[in-house]
Amino acid sequence: MMGVLGITSLELMGCGSPPAAERPSGGAREQLSAEQCETRGAHVVGDIGDGATQRQDYVCPGGSAPIANIVAPAGGPIGVEGSVCCPK
């Protein structure tokens, strides 16, 4: 019989999306900081916590595919995980 710790470990192993380094490279998005996204005339859309923005079939609120994934600028604050840059 598996204890609570064993069940929790199994549940955690399957949670979330793989880190960016482990995602398939086919169709990989560009990476921009939030500032770079906005400089391009686009806007940042955050993930609601279900990882949907990181799926290849994700569509921005306007119906277009994301331009890029949002990453923290070098030496800057860490942004909201899972955010994408969407055209306006």
Protein backbone atom coordinates (compact mmCIF):
# COMPACT_ATOMS: atom_id res chain seq x y z
CA MET A 1 0.00 0.00 0.00
CA MET A 2 1.35 3.40 -1.00
CA GLY A 3 1.56 6.11 1.64
CA VAL A 4 0.47 9.72 1.23
CA LEU A 5 4.01 10.79 0.34
CA GLY A 6 4.18 8.22 -2.47
CA ILE A 7 0.87 9.35 -3.95
CA THR A 8 1.87 13.00 -3.76
CA SER A 9 5.17 12.25 -5.50
CA LEU A 10 3.39 10.45 -8.33
CA GLU A 11 0.91 13.30 -8.72
CA LEU A 12 3.69 15.90 -8.85
CA MET A 13 5.63 13.98 -11.49
CA GLY A 14 2.83 14.48 -14.03
CA CYS A 15 1.99 18.11 -13.27
CA GLY A 16 2.76 21.11 -15.44
CA SER A 17 4.43 21.48 -18.78
CA PRO A 18 8.06 20.53 -19.36
CA PRO A 19 10.67 23.24 -18.96
CA ALA A 20 11.41 25.24 -22.13
CA ALA A 21 14.67 23.34 -22.66
CA GLU A 22 12.73 20.06 -22.81
CA ARG A 23 9.97 21.20 -25.15
CA PRO A 24 10.12 20.06 -28.76
CA SER A 25 11.95 22.58 -30.94
CA GLY A 26 9.56 22.26 -33.89
CA GLY A 27 7.66 25.51 -34.15
CA ALA A 28 9.50 27.01 -31.17
CA ARG A 29 8.56 30.63 -30.54
CA GLU A 30 10.92 33.54 -30.32
CA GLN A 31 11.66 34.79 -26.79
CA LEU A 32 11.19 38.45 -25.88
CA SER A 33 11.06 40.48 -22.69
CA ALA A 34 7.74 42.19 -21.91
CA GLU A 35 9.32 45.53 -22.88
CA GLN A 36 10.49 44.17 -26.25
CA CYS A 37 6.99 42.82 -26.89
CA GLU A 38 5.38 46.17 -26.20
CA THR A 39 8.03 47.97 -28.29
CA ARG A 40 6.79 45.90 -31.25
CA GLY A 41 3.29 47.26 -30.72
CA ALA A 42 2.04 44.01 -29.18
CA HIS A 43 0.85 43.21 -25.66
CA VAL A 44 1.62 40.61 -23.00
CA VAL A 45 -0.99 37.96 -22.23
CA GLY A 46 -0.48 35.93 -19.06
CA ASP A 47 -1.29 32.28 -18.56
CA ILE A 48 -4.20 31.60 -16.22
CA GLY A 49 -2.30 28.69 -14.70
CA ASP A 50 -3.28 25.83 -16.97
CA GLY A 51 -0.32 26.08 -19.36
CA ALA A 52 -2.57 26.83 -22.34
CA THR A 53 -0.36 29.67 -23.61
CA GLN A 54 2.54 27.25 -24.06
CA ARG A 55 0.66 24.84 -26.31
CA GLN A 56 1.51 25.04 -30.01
CA ASP A 57 -2.19 25.46 -30.88
CA TYR A 58 -2.74 28.42 -28.49
CA VAL A 59 -4.48 31.42 -30.09
CA CYS A 60 -4.27 34.96 -28.70
CA PRO A 61 -7.50 36.80 -27.74
CA GLY A 62 -7.52 38.52 -31.17
CA GLY A 63 -7.37 35.16 -32.99
CA SER A 64 -3.67 35.26 -34.02
CA ALA A 65 -0.84 33.02 -32.90
CA PRO A 66 1.53 34.46 -30.28
CA ILE A 67 4.57 36.34 -31.58
CA ALA A 68 6.85 35.08 -28.80
CA ASN A 69 7.13 33.69 -25.29
CA ILE A 70 7.89 36.29 -22.61
CA VAL A 71 11.13 35.85 -20.67
CA ALA A 72 12.77 37.92 -17.97
CA PRO A 73 15.30 40.48 -19.23
CA ALA A 74 18.93 39.81 -18.34
CA GLY A 75 19.42 40.89 -14.75
CA GLY A 76 15.80 42.06 -14.54
CA PRO A 77 12.85 40.91 -12.49
CA ILE A 78 11.28 37.56 -13.31
CA GLY A 79 8.04 38.01 -15.25
CA VAL A 80 4.86 36.03 -15.01
CA GLU A 81 5.58 32.44 -16.00
CA GLY A 82 3.82 31.32 -19.15
CA SER A 83 3.17 34.78 -20.58
CA VAL A 84 3.17 35.29 -24.35
CA CYS A 85 3.44 38.28 -26.67
CA CYS A 86 0.27 38.73 -28.73
CA PRO A 87 -0.42 41.10 -31.62
CA LYS A 88 -2.90 43.90 -30.88
